[in-house]
Amino acid sequence: MKELVEVIAKALVDHPDEVVVTEKNEGKNIRIQLHVAPSDMGKVIGKQGRIAKAIRSVVKAASSKEDLRVDVDID
């Protein structure tokens, strides 16, 4: 899941070298934290959070096949 979020985020931002994705496993729950440059924050969140919601939806769909619960936090 970490790689999926990283690929999506790097495609969206102007500074892909500053994208940092960390993953914490807690049993069947996985917490993914996405850090981007402050100037790219708006591009990752989108208007009214639409892009962030889309990223979470894609990750949720991918994780349902593996019977996992994944939370994506954008910092």
C-alpha atoms as a PDB file:
ATOM      1  CA  MET A   1       0.000   0.000   0.000  1.00  0.00           C
ATOM      2  CA  LYS A   2       2.898   2.329   0.743  1.00  0.00           C
ATOM      3  CA  GLU A   3       4.148   2.124  -2.837  1.00  0.00           C
ATOM      4  CA  LEU A   4       0.675   2.868  -4.222  1.00  0.00           C
ATOM      5  CA  VAL A   5       0.335   6.065  -2.184  1.00  0.00           C
ATOM      6  CA  GLU A   6       3.881   7.095  -3.077  1.00  0.00           C
ATOM      7  CA  VAL A   7       3.307   6.681  -6.833  1.00  0.00           C
ATOM      8  CA  ILE A   8       0.051   8.640  -6.722  1.00  0.00           C
ATOM      9  CA  ALA A   9       1.520  11.460  -4.623  1.00  0.00           C
ATOM     10  CA  LYS A  10       4.661  11.825  -6.747  1.00  0.00           C
ATOM     11  CA  ALA A  11       2.512  12.140  -9.866  1.00  0.00           C
ATOM     12  CA  LEU A  12       0.535  15.011  -8.321  1.00  0.00           C
ATOM     13  CA  VAL A  13       3.214  17.263  -6.810  1.00  0.00           C
ATOM     14  CA  ASP A  14       5.805  19.679  -8.212  1.00  0.00           C
ATOM     15  CA  HIS A  15       8.544  18.418  -5.860  1.00  0.00           C
ATOM     16  CA  PRO A  16       8.390  14.593  -5.996  1.00  0.00           C
ATOM     17  CA  ASP A  17      11.740  14.281  -4.220  1.00  0.00           C
ATOM     18  CA  GLU A  18      10.147  15.703  -1.039  1.00  0.00           C
ATOM     19  CA  VAL A  19       7.393  13.070  -0.866  1.00  0.00           C
ATOM     20  CA  VAL A  20       7.839  10.810   2.173  1.00  0.00           C
ATOM     21  CA  VAL A  21       5.487   7.909   2.880  1.00  0.00           C
ATOM     22  CA  THR A  22       5.670   5.930   6.107  1.00  0.00           C
ATOM     23  CA  GLU A  23       3.695   2.821   6.977  1.00  0.00           C
ATOM     24  CA  LYS A  24       2.851   1.469  10.432  1.00  0.00           C
ATOM     25  CA  ASN A  25       1.352  -2.009  10.796  1.00  0.00           C
ATOM     26  CA  GLU A  26      -1.029  -2.591  13.683  1.00  0.00           C
ATOM     27  CA  GLY A  27      -2.372  -6.093  13.057  1.00  0.00           C
ATOM     28  CA  LYS A  28      -4.987  -5.875  10.302  1.00  0.00           C
ATOM     29  CA  ASN A  29      -4.875  -2.090  10.474  1.00  0.00           C
ATOM     30  CA  ILE A  30      -2.279  -0.150   8.511  1.00  0.00           C
ATOM     31  CA  ARG A  31      -1.652   3.565   8.982  1.00  0.00           C
ATOM     32  CA  ILE A  32       0.014   5.346   6.082  1.00  0.00           C
ATOM     33  CA  GLN A  33       1.355   8.859   6.609  1.00  0.00           C
ATOM     34  CA  LEU A  34       2.051  11.033   3.589  1.00  0.00           C
ATOM     35  CA  HIS A  35       4.360  14.028   3.948  1.00  0.00           C
ATOM     36  CA  VAL A  36       4.756  16.511   1.079  1.00  0.00           C
ATOM     37  CA  ALA A  37       6.331  19.935   0.666  1.00  0.00           C
ATOM     38  CA  PRO A  38       4.170  22.750   2.085  1.00  0.00           C
ATOM     39  CA  SER A  39       3.784  24.265  -1.385  1.00  0.00           C
ATOM     40  CA  ASP A  40       2.369  20.958  -2.687  1.00  0.00           C
ATOM     41  CA  MET A  41      -0.142  20.436   0.105  1.00  0.00           C
ATOM     42  CA  GLY A  42      -3.014  21.954  -1.882  1.00  0.00           C
ATOM     43  CA  LYS A  43      -2.336  19.697  -4.847  1.00  0.00           C
ATOM     44  CA  VAL A  44      -2.538  16.571  -2.712  1.00  0.00           C
ATOM     45  CA  ILE A  45      -5.660  17.665  -0.835  1.00  0.00           C
ATOM     46  CA  GLY A  46      -7.509  19.279  -3.746  1.00  0.00           C
ATOM     47  CA  LYS A  47     -10.573  21.476  -3.703  1.00  0.00           C
ATOM     48  CA  GLN A  48     -12.800  20.512  -0.783  1.00  0.00           C
ATOM     49  CA  GLY A  49     -10.559  17.473  -0.204  1.00  0.00           C
ATOM     50  CA  ARG A  50     -11.582  15.687  -3.391  1.00  0.00           C
ATOM     51  CA  ILE A  51      -8.112  14.434  -4.333  1.00  0.00           C
ATOM     52  CA  ALA A  52      -7.395  13.264  -0.788  1.00  0.00           C
ATOM     53  CA  LYS A  53     -10.707  11.429  -0.764  1.00  0.00           C
ATOM     54  CA  ALA A  54      -9.885   9.832  -4.125  1.00  0.00           C
ATOM     55  CA  ILE A  55      -6.482   8.653  -2.853  1.00  0.00           C
ATOM     56  CA  ARG A  56      -8.164   7.107   0.185  1.00  0.00           C
ATOM     57  CA  SER A  57     -10.777   5.414  -2.027  1.00  0.00           C
ATOM     58  CA  VAL A  58      -8.139   3.853  -4.286  1.00  0.00           C
ATOM     59  CA  VAL A  59      -6.159   2.590  -1.295  1.00  0.00           C
ATOM     60  CA  LYS A  60      -9.327   1.225   0.318  1.00  0.00           C
ATOM     61  CA  ALA A  61     -10.217  -0.660  -2.856  1.00  0.00           C
ATOM     62  CA  ALA A  62      -6.713  -2.115  -3.105  1.00  0.00           C
ATOM     63  CA  SER A  63      -6.660  -3.120   0.565  1.00  0.00           C
ATOM     64  CA  SER A  64     -10.055  -4.829   0.491  1.00  0.00           C
ATOM     65  CA  LYS A  65      -8.580  -7.649  -1.588  1.00  0.00           C
ATOM     66  CA  GLU A  66      -6.109  -8.375   1.215  1.00  0.00           C
ATOM     67  CA  ASP A  67      -8.717  -8.009   3.990  1.00  0.00           C
ATOM     68  CA  LEU A  68      -6.899  -5.052   5.569  1.00  0.00           C
ATOM     69  CA  ARG A  69      -8.037  -1.694   6.899  1.00  0.00           C
ATOM     70  CA  VAL A  70      -5.837   1.167   5.714  1.00  0.00           C
ATOM     71  CA  ASP A  71      -5.936   4.757   6.986  1.00  0.00           C
ATOM     72  CA  VAL A  72      -4.157   7.455   4.972  1.00  0.00           C
ATOM     73  CA  ASP A  73      -3.081  10.593   6.849  1.00  0.00           C
ATOM     74  CA  ILE A  74      -1.769  13.599   4.944  1.00  0.00           C
ATOM     75  CA  ASP A  75       0.666  15.784   6.889  1.00  0.00           C
END
